[in-house]
């Protein structure tokens, strides 16, 4: 084999995640509230919560102080051992979560939490398959990447290794719907009937769980039509399939509830969480579950683990963050959601390239299409990284002090401000985004 000599990078030695060779990543050095600052001192309203995760803003003293106190007392405890802070957080999660979820196990990231939930579900159900939606995102590790229904991520994960046991079903989209339905209620029924077909076609005994986001995350913030989750709950009960709510993005106030599944009127069998649990001040994730699921591991033991799962400093941050959500941040989302929703609707009315908008609370997606064709201006899966006017909108907004991002697929703009964002900041951000659309498309 010929020896290869690759020259060292002339720039930063850090290889960024989601790296685009055609652009230079923004370097963030400071943050306060809903604002971050780059290394040149420029200020930006962080209207995507960095990565849908800085729910409590960038300088929450209560979270920082809790982390410092824990680090001084004992900075690390193995997840195989007990720890008072870890136990307190588990008890708090059981208190604020759905009544039926009584047990908690911790992880490090959302991808790992989803993999852990599926491992537990497969073990409890003695089934191998997990059903997830097309147009979903559950992570980019091998297991979680196979659950992800967004093709660009899944193709990147599976390009050199195949994964098994993941089966996809179609989402109940109202825009460009795969189902012929005249009303939201009819859409819910048709989409749920489709899920039942998939369960029956795969064989109910082989299906361990359905893993689903209550409100779509980075794939566009689309919500389910009324009655959809009730039907899913009914189907899961009928065919003995577990229902896992992926709340990695939607949890901890993002959609106006501690957990977004509460807005659907049902209780899942498991919830996965990450991101907002600590406000992203330190990595922490985990799974909440019904007692009968936990009983399998409690009875037979558990041979799996992660070094930093349930890190005490993360658990201290989680306790403080939940206090912040309960005391004022969730109420701020509820009180300002009508304003944000109104400004998003006004943006849609002002620009004919905006095909639809959807979302809940402080989590919104804006779909951009060519009004003459009804199709995206560019399709990432077909056109690669060709010119994309939505990315131009993102770049123009950044130049004018507001950070937003594209979704999956990238003909969408995602708006997800920190939960501490003020009415004045919403007005400024939406005016800037409006001007960015005008600059790119008019």
Protein backbone atom coordinates (compact mmCIF):
# COMPACT_ATOMS: atom_id res chain seq x y z
CA UNK A 1 0.00 0.00 0.00
CA UNK A 2 1.41 3.38 -1.00
CA UNK A 3 2.07 5.65 1.96
CA UNK A 4 0.07 8.85 1.80
CA UNK A 5 1.28 12.18 3.11
CA UNK A 6 -1.49 14.70 3.67
CA UNK A 7 -0.38 18.27 4.40
CA UNK A 8 -1.48 19.77 7.68
CA UNK A 9 -4.37 22.23 7.69
CA UNK A 10 -3.28 25.84 7.30
CA UNK A 11 -6.15 27.05 9.45
CA UNK A 12 -7.70 25.84 12.69
CA UNK A 13 -6.83 22.27 13.73
CA UNK A 14 -10.47 21.82 14.81
CA UNK A 15 -12.67 19.98 12.32
CA UNK A 16 -16.15 21.37 12.86
CA UNK A 17 -19.27 19.22 12.92
CA UNK A 18 -21.63 19.78 9.96
CA UNK A 19 -18.56 21.21 8.27
CA UNK A 20 -19.01 23.06 4.99
CA UNK A 21 -15.70 23.63 3.16
CA UNK A 22 -17.25 26.60 1.40
CA UNK A 23 -17.84 28.66 4.52
CA UNK A 24 -16.04 29.82 7.64
CA UNK A 25 -17.75 28.97 10.95
CA UNK A 26 -18.73 31.89 13.16
CA UNK A 27 -16.53 32.05 16.26
CA UNK A 28 -18.63 32.75 19.37
CA UNK A 29 -16.74 33.99 22.42
CA UNK A 30 -19.39 35.46 24.76
CA UNK A 31 -23.10 35.33 25.45
CA UNK A 32 -25.75 36.99 27.56
CA UNK A 33 -29.49 36.30 27.60
CA UNK A 34 -30.59 35.71 24.01
CA UNK A 35 -27.50 37.40 22.54
CA UNK A 36 -24.10 36.01 21.58
CA UNK A 37 -20.92 37.83 20.53
CA UNK A 38 -18.25 36.81 18.04
CA UNK A 39 -14.50 37.24 18.33
CA UNK A 40 -14.75 40.66 16.69
CA UNK A 41 -17.28 41.86 19.27
CA UNK A 42 -20.30 41.75 16.95
CA UNK A 43 -23.63 40.97 18.65
CA UNK A 44 -26.21 38.49 17.33
CA UNK A 45 -29.68 37.59 18.51
CA UNK A 46 -29.49 33.80 18.81
CA UNK A 47 -32.80 32.88 17.20
CA UNK A 48 -31.99 29.19 16.90
CA UNK A 49 -30.85 28.71 20.51
CA UNK A 50 -27.43 27.74 19.12
CA UNK A 51 -28.59 24.20 18.27
CA UNK A 52 -32.16 24.19 19.66
CA UNK A 53 -30.68 23.81 23.13
CA UNK A 54 -29.78 27.03 25.00
CA UNK A 55 -33.32 27.25 26.39
CA UNK A 56 -32.35 29.27 29.47
CA UNK A 57 -30.22 31.77 27.58
CA UNK A 58 -26.47 32.23 27.68
CA UNK A 59 -25.77 33.56 31.17
CA UNK A 60 -28.24 32.03 33.63
CA UNK A 61 -26.60 32.52 37.03
CA UNK A 62 -28.75 29.94 38.82
CA UNK A 63 -27.53 27.16 36.52
CA UNK A 64 -23.91 28.32 36.62
CA UNK A 65 -23.87 28.56 40.41
CA UNK A 66 -25.40 25.10 40.78
CA UNK A 67 -22.69 23.65 38.53
CA UNK A 68 -19.90 25.37 40.46
CA UNK A 69 -21.26 24.20 43.80
CA UNK A 70 -21.48 20.61 42.59
CA UNK A 71 -18.00 20.69 41.03
CA UNK A 72 -16.53 21.87 44.32
CA UNK A 73 -18.34 19.17 46.31
CA UNK A 74 -17.67 16.19 44.01
CA UNK A 75 -17.17 16.74 40.27
CA UNK A 76 -17.64 13.17 39.07
CA UNK A 77 -19.31 9.96 40.24
CA UNK A 78 -19.43 6.77 38.17
CA UNK A 79 -22.92 6.06 36.77
CA UNK A 80 -22.71 2.62 38.39
CA UNK A 81 -22.67 4.28 41.80
CA UNK A 82 -25.25 6.37 43.61
CA UNK A 83 -25.13 10.15 43.85
CA UNK A 84 -27.46 12.47 45.73
CA UNK A 85 -27.69 15.10 42.97
CA UNK A 86 -28.37 12.47 40.32
CA UNK A 87 -31.11 10.97 42.47
CA UNK A 88 -32.67 14.37 43.10
CA UNK A 89 -32.81 15.11 39.38
CA UNK A 90 -34.39 11.73 38.64
CA UNK A 91 -37.04 12.42 41.28
CA UNK A 92 -37.65 15.89 39.84
CA UNK A 93 -38.07 14.50 36.32
CA UNK A 94 -40.61 11.98 37.58
CA UNK A 95 -42.44 14.86 39.27
CA UNK A 96 -42.64 17.11 36.18
CA UNK A 97 -43.12 14.35 33.60
CA UNK A 98 -46.21 12.31 32.71
CA UNK A 99 -47.69 10.50 35.71
CA UNK A 100 -47.12 7.04 34.24
CA UNK A 101 -43.34 7.49 33.83
CA UNK A 102 -41.73 6.50 37.11
CA UNK A 103 -38.13 5.55 36.28
CA UNK A 104 -35.18 7.43 34.80
CA UNK A 105 -31.84 6.38 33.35
CA UNK A 106 -29.29 8.92 32.20
CA UNK A 107 -27.14 9.26 29.11
CA UNK A 108 -24.90 11.93 27.58
CA UNK A 109 -26.42 13.06 24.26
CA UNK A 110 -29.75 12.88 22.50
CA UNK A 111 -28.45 10.31 20.02
CA UNK A 112 -27.35 8.06 22.87
CA UNK A 113 -30.62 8.60 24.74
CA UNK A 114 -32.59 7.43 21.71
CA UNK A 115 -30.34 4.41 21.29
CA UNK A 116 -30.69 3.61 24.99
CA UNK A 117 -34.49 3.87 24.81
CA UNK A 118 -34.58 1.51 21.84
CA UNK A 119 -32.29 -0.96 23.61
CA UNK A 120 -34.61 -0.95 26.62
CA UNK A 121 -37.70 -1.26 24.42
CA UNK A 122 -36.31 -4.18 22.43
CA UNK A 123 -35.36 -5.94 25.64
CA UNK A 124 -38.71 -5.35 27.33
CA UNK A 125 -40.75 -6.30 24.24
CA UNK A 126 -38.53 -9.04 22.87
CA UNK A 127 -38.94 -7.39 19.49
CA UNK A 128 -36.27 -6.14 17.09
CA UNK A 129 -37.91 -3.41 15.02
CA UNK A 130 -38.43 0.27 15.76
CA UNK A 131 -40.71 2.41 13.58
CA UNK A 132 -39.83 6.05 12.88
CA UNK A 133 -41.09 8.71 10.48
CA UNK A 134 -39.63 9.88 7.24
CA UNK A 135 -38.71 13.54 7.82
CA UNK A 136 -37.55 12.84 11.37
CA UNK A 137 -34.24 13.39 13.14
CA UNK A 138 -33.16 11.22 16.06
CA UNK A 139 -29.37 11.60 15.93
CA UNK A 140 -26.34 10.77 13.81
CA UNK A 141 -24.61 7.90 15.60
CA UNK A 142 -25.02 4.49 13.94
CA UNK A 143 -28.09 3.43 15.89
CA UNK A 144 -29.79 6.83 16.09
CA UNK A 145 -28.81 7.62 12.51
CA UNK A 146 -30.70 4.54 11.32
CA UNK A 147 -33.82 5.76 13.17
CA UNK A 148 -33.46 9.20 11.55
CA UNK A 149 -35.82 9.54 8.58
CA UNK A 150 -34.03 12.51 7.03
CA UNK A 151 -32.15 10.98 4.07
CA UNK A 152 -29.05 13.22 4.00
CA UNK A 153 -28.10 12.31 7.57
CA UNK A 154 -29.06 8.66 7.23
CA UNK A 155 -27.15 8.25 3.97
CA UNK A 156 -24.03 9.77 5.53
CA UNK A 157 -24.25 7.37 8.48
CA UNK A 158 -24.97 4.29 6.38
CA UNK A 159 -22.54 4.99 3.52
CA UNK A 160 -20.01 2.46 4.81
CA UNK A 161 -22.01 0.34 7.24
CA UNK A 162 -25.57 -0.96 7.26
CA UNK A 163 -27.83 -0.94 10.30
CA UNK A 164 -30.90 -3.07 10.81
CA UNK A 165 -34.22 -3.03 12.59
CA UNK A 166 -35.33 0.49 11.61
CA UNK A 167 -38.56 0.81 9.59
CA UNK A 168 -40.01 4.08 8.27
CA UNK A 169 -43.56 5.37 8.00
CA UNK A 170 -44.93 8.54 6.39
CA UNK A 171 -45.53 11.69 8.47
CA UNK A 172 -48.93 13.45 8.73
CA UNK A 173 -47.80 16.56 6.84
CA UNK A 174 -50.45 19.13 6.00
CA UNK A 175 -48.26 20.78 3.31
CA UNK A 176 -47.32 18.52 0.40
CA UNK A 177 -49.06 15.71 2.24
CA UNK A 178 -48.53 12.12 1.10
CA UNK A 179 -52.18 11.47 2.05
CA UNK A 180 -55.35 12.56 0.25
CA UNK A 181 -57.32 14.21 3.05
CA UNK A 182 -59.61 17.22 3.00
CA UNK A 183 -59.53 18.06 6.72
CA UNK A 184 -56.98 17.80 9.55
CA UNK A 185 -59.13 15.12 11.18
CA UNK A 186 -59.22 13.07 7.98
CA UNK A 187 -55.45 13.49 7.66
CA UNK A 188 -54.95 12.19 11.20
CA UNK A 189 -57.08 9.16 10.41
CA UNK A 190 -55.36 8.40 7.09
CA UNK A 191 -51.87 8.83 8.51
CA UNK A 192 -52.65 6.63 11.52
CA UNK A 193 -54.21 3.97 9.27
CA UNK A 194 -50.93 3.98 7.35
CA UNK A 195 -48.98 3.36 10.58
CA UNK A 196 -51.30 0.46 11.36
CA UNK A 197 -50.63 -0.97 7.91
CA UNK A 198 -46.87 -0.77 8.54
CA UNK A 199 -47.20 -2.49 11.93
CA UNK A 200 -49.32 -5.28 10.46
CA UNK A 201 -47.09 -5.62 7.40
CA UNK A 202 -43.94 -5.93 9.51
CA UNK A 203 -45.64 -8.27 11.98
CA UNK A 204 -46.73 -6.79 15.34
CA UNK A 205 -44.67 -9.27 17.35
CA UNK A 206 -41.49 -8.04 15.64
CA UNK A 207 -42.14 -4.36 16.44
CA UNK A 208 -40.76 -3.16 19.77
CA UNK A 209 -41.59 0.54 19.56
CA UNK A 210 -42.58 3.64 17.63
CA UNK A 211 -40.06 6.45 18.16
CA UNK A 212 -41.57 9.83 17.27
CA UNK A 213 -41.13 13.55 17.89
CA UNK A 214 -44.32 15.17 19.31
CA UNK A 215 -43.49 18.23 17.20
CA UNK A 216 -40.92 17.72 14.45
CA UNK A 217 -37.52 19.05 15.41
CA UNK A 218 -35.02 20.23 12.83
CA UNK A 219 -37.13 18.66 10.08
CA UNK A 220 -39.50 21.59 10.09
CA UNK A 221 -41.43 22.01 13.36
CA UNK A 222 -44.55 20.48 11.84
CA UNK A 223 -47.25 19.51 14.30
CA UNK A 224 -49.60 16.54 14.15
CA UNK A 225 -53.23 17.04 13.13
CA UNK A 226 -55.83 16.69 15.92
CA UNK A 227 -56.42 13.10 16.92
CA UNK A 228 -53.24 11.65 15.39
CA UNK A 229 -51.44 10.89 18.64
CA UNK A 230 -54.61 9.51 20.21
CA UNK A 231 -54.80 7.00 17.33
CA UNK A 232 -51.10 6.15 17.71
CA UNK A 233 -51.64 5.48 21.41
CA UNK A 234 -54.61 3.27 20.57
CA UNK A 235 -52.61 1.34 17.95
CA UNK A 236 -49.67 0.84 20.29
CA UNK A 237 -51.99 -0.52 22.98
CA UNK A 238 -53.78 -2.79 20.50
CA UNK A 239 -50.62 -4.31 19.03
CA UNK A 240 -48.48 -4.21 22.20
CA UNK A 241 -45.97 -1.69 20.81
CA UNK A 242 -44.22 0.89 22.99
CA UNK A 243 -44.63 4.58 22.16
CA UNK A 244 -41.43 6.59 22.68
CA UNK A 245 -41.64 10.39 22.55
CA UNK A 246 -38.37 11.95 21.38
CA UNK A 247 -38.33 15.23 23.33
CA UNK A 248 -34.66 16.02 22.72
CA UNK A 249 -35.63 19.33 21.09
CA UNK A 250 -39.25 19.82 22.19
CA UNK A 251 -38.76 19.14 25.89
CA UNK A 252 -38.24 21.62 28.74
CA UNK A 253 -40.49 24.45 27.64
CA UNK A 254 -39.61 24.75 23.97
CA UNK A 255 -43.25 24.25 22.90
CA UNK A 256 -44.89 25.90 25.92
CA UNK A 257 -45.10 22.77 28.12
CA UNK A 258 -42.45 20.99 30.15
CA UNK A 259 -42.84 18.20 27.58
CA UNK A 260 -44.56 18.75 24.23
CA UNK A 261 -46.36 15.41 24.34
CA UNK A 262 -48.59 16.93 27.04
CA UNK A 263 -50.20 18.99 24.28
CA UNK A 264 -51.37 15.82 22.54
CA UNK A 265 -53.51 14.52 25.40
CA UNK A 266 -51.75 11.16 25.74
CA UNK A 267 -49.00 9.62 27.83
CA UNK A 268 -46.13 7.79 26.09
CA UNK A 269 -44.38 4.71 27.42
CA UNK A 270 -41.00 6.44 27.33
CA UNK A 271 -39.58 9.93 26.83
CA UNK A 272 -36.07 10.67 25.62
CA UNK A 273 -34.54 14.01 26.58
CA UNK A 274 -31.32 16.01 26.19
CA UNK A 275 -30.48 19.59 25.08
CA UNK A 276 -32.81 21.70 27.25
CA UNK A 277 -32.47 19.53 30.37
CA UNK A 278 -29.44 21.65 31.35
CA UNK A 279 -30.07 24.53 28.96
CA UNK A 280 -26.97 23.14 27.18
CA UNK A 281 -24.69 24.35 29.95
CA UNK A 282 -23.25 20.84 30.13
CA UNK A 283 -24.08 17.64 28.20
CA UNK A 284 -26.79 15.49 29.78
CA UNK A 285 -29.51 13.25 28.38
CA UNK A 286 -31.65 10.33 29.39
CA UNK A 287 -34.79 8.25 29.23
CA UNK A 288 -37.94 8.29 31.34
CA UNK A 289 -40.07 5.14 31.30
CA UNK A 290 -42.95 3.17 32.73
CA UNK A 291 -42.10 0.90 35.69
CA UNK A 292 -42.69 -2.33 33.77
CA UNK A 293 -40.00 -1.34 31.24
CA UNK A 294 -37.50 -0.48 33.97
CA UNK A 295 -38.38 -3.70 35.80
CA UNK A 296 -36.62 -5.79 33.15
CA UNK A 297 -33.25 -4.16 33.87
CA UNK A 298 -33.93 -3.96 37.61
CA UNK A 299 -34.67 -7.69 37.72
CA UNK A 300 -32.05 -9.06 35.32
CA UNK A 301 -29.34 -6.42 35.64
CA UNK A 302 -27.83 -4.08 33.06
CA UNK A 303 -24.49 -4.71 31.36
CA UNK A 304 -24.40 -1.45 29.40
CA UNK A 305 -23.26 2.01 30.47
CA UNK A 306 -21.57 5.27 29.53
CA UNK A 307 -18.78 6.93 31.48
CA UNK A 308 -20.36 10.37 31.63
CA UNK A 309 -24.03 9.35 31.88
CA UNK A 310 -25.72 11.27 34.68
CA UNK A 311 -22.65 13.40 35.34
CA UNK A 312 -23.20 15.12 38.73
CA UNK A 313 -22.37 18.57 37.37
CA UNK A 314 -24.90 18.01 34.59
CA UNK A 315 -27.49 16.82 37.09
CA UNK A 316 -26.94 19.92 39.21
CA UNK A 317 -27.42 22.04 36.09
CA UNK A 318 -30.57 20.08 35.28
CA UNK A 319 -32.12 20.70 38.68
CA UNK A 320 -31.42 24.42 38.44
CA UNK A 321 -32.65 24.62 34.84
CA UNK A 322 -35.96 22.93 35.65
CA UNK A 323 -36.46 25.41 38.49
CA UNK A 324 -35.91 28.23 36.01
CA UNK A 325 -38.37 26.72 33.54
CA UNK A 326 -41.02 26.24 36.22
CA UNK A 327 -40.56 29.63 37.86
CA UNK A 328 -40.74 31.90 34.81
CA UNK A 329 -39.33 30.67 31.48
CA UNK A 330 -42.23 28.46 30.38
CA UNK A 331 -44.64 31.22 31.29
CA UNK A 332 -42.60 33.60 29.14
CA UNK A 333 -42.99 31.23 26.18
CA UNK A 334 -46.74 30.99 26.75
CA UNK A 335 -47.18 34.73 27.04
CA UNK A 336 -45.09 35.57 23.95
CA UNK A 337 -46.15 32.72 21.65
CA UNK A 338 -49.09 34.76 20.24
CA UNK A 339 -46.67 37.57 19.32
CA UNK A 340 -44.16 35.24 17.67
CA UNK A 341 -46.92 33.33 15.85
CA UNK A 342 -48.41 36.61 14.60
CA UNK A 343 -45.04 37.83 13.30
CA UNK A 344 -44.38 34.49 11.59
CA UNK A 345 -47.82 34.67 9.94
CA UNK A 346 -47.12 38.25 8.82
CA UNK A 347 -43.83 37.10 7.30
CA UNK A 348 -45.66 34.39 5.36
CA UNK A 349 -48.20 36.92 4.06
CA UNK A 350 -45.48 39.33 2.97
CA UNK A 351 -43.44 36.89 0.88
CA UNK A 352 -44.93 34.64 -1.77
CA UNK A 353 -41.88 32.36 -1.63
CA UNK A 354 -42.98 31.24 1.84
CA UNK A 355 -45.22 28.27 1.10
CA UNK A 356 -46.25 27.56 4.68
CA UNK A 357 -45.25 28.08 8.28
CA UNK A 358 -45.83 25.75 11.21
CA UNK A 359 -44.81 25.32 14.80
CA UNK A 360 -45.70 25.64 18.45
CA UNK A 361 -44.41 27.82 21.26
CA UNK A 362 -40.86 29.00 20.52
CA UNK A 363 -40.27 26.41 17.78
CA UNK A 364 -41.16 27.33 14.18
CA UNK A 365 -40.39 26.21 10.65
CA UNK A 366 -40.75 28.36 7.52
CA UNK A 367 -40.98 26.43 4.23
CA UNK A 368 -39.64 28.19 1.13
CA UNK A 369 -40.69 27.16 -2.40
CA UNK A 370 -40.77 28.63 -5.87
CA UNK A 371 -44.34 30.05 -6.13
CA UNK A 372 -44.38 29.34 -9.87
CA UNK A 373 -43.67 25.62 -9.52
CA UNK A 374 -44.60 24.79 -5.93
CA UNK A 375 -41.20 23.08 -5.61
CA UNK A 376 -38.11 23.95 -3.56
CA UNK A 377 -35.63 26.22 -5.34
CA UNK A 378 -33.03 23.53 -4.71
CA UNK A 379 -33.29 19.96 -3.46
CA UNK A 380 -30.32 18.93 -1.34
CA UNK A 381 -30.67 15.23 -2.10
CA UNK A 382 -30.71 15.90 -5.87
CA UNK A 383 -28.67 19.06 -6.28
CA UNK A 384 -26.06 18.52 -3.58
CA UNK A 385 -24.70 21.71 -2.10
CA UNK A 386 -25.73 23.93 -5.00
CA UNK A 387 -26.90 27.55 -4.56
CA UNK A 388 -29.74 27.75 -2.06
CA UNK A 389 -31.63 31.01 -1.53
CA UNK A 390 -32.70 29.90 1.97
CA UNK A 391 -29.04 29.77 2.95
CA UNK A 392 -28.72 33.27 1.49
CA UNK A 393 -31.52 34.40 3.81
CA UNK A 394 -29.66 32.84 6.75
CA UNK A 395 -26.41 34.58 5.73
CA UNK A 396 -28.13 37.94 5.22
CA UNK A 397 -29.85 37.74 8.60
CA UNK A 398 -26.51 36.93 10.22
CA UNK A 399 -24.89 39.95 8.56
CA UNK A 400 -27.60 42.03 10.22
CA UNK A 401 -27.30 40.52 13.66
CA UNK A 402 -29.75 37.59 13.82
CA UNK A 403 -28.81 33.90 13.80
CA UNK A 404 -31.25 31.43 12.25
CA UNK A 405 -30.64 28.13 10.45
CA UNK A 406 -31.91 25.96 7.65
CA UNK A 407 -33.83 22.81 8.53
CA UNK A 408 -33.85 19.28 7.18
CA UNK A 409 -34.41 19.40 4.21
CA UNK A 410 -32.74 22.74 3.67
CA UNK A 411 -35.60 24.56 1.93
CA UNK A 412 -36.78 25.50 5.42
CA UNK A 413 -35.83 28.22 7.87
CA UNK A 414 -35.88 27.33 11.58
CA UNK A 415 -36.74 29.84 14.32
CA UNK A 416 -36.14 28.65 17.88
CA UNK A 417 -35.21 31.50 20.25
CA UNK A 418 -34.16 30.96 23.88
CA UNK A 419 -37.08 30.83 26.28
CA UNK A 420 -35.88 34.06 27.93
CA UNK A 421 -36.31 36.05 24.70
CA UNK A 422 -38.25 39.30 25.14
CA UNK A 423 -41.03 40.83 23.06
CA UNK A 424 -38.65 43.56 21.88
CA UNK A 425 -36.14 40.95 20.72
CA UNK A 426 -38.84 39.08 18.81
CA UNK A 427 -39.79 42.30 17.01
CA UNK A 428 -36.17 43.05 16.09
CA UNK A 429 -35.44 39.51 14.94
CA UNK A 430 -38.56 39.19 12.80
CA UNK A 431 -37.98 42.59 11.18
CA UNK A 432 -34.44 41.51 10.34
CA UNK A 433 -35.61 38.18 8.88
CA UNK A 434 -38.31 40.01 6.87
CA UNK A 435 -35.64 42.33 5.45
CA UNK A 436 -33.43 39.34 4.64
CA UNK A 437 -36.22 37.72 2.62
CA UNK A 438 -36.76 40.98 0.76
CA UNK A 439 -33.05 41.33 0.05
CA UNK A 440 -32.74 37.81 -1.36
CA UNK A 441 -36.03 37.43 -3.25
CA UNK A 442 -37.28 40.92 -4.22
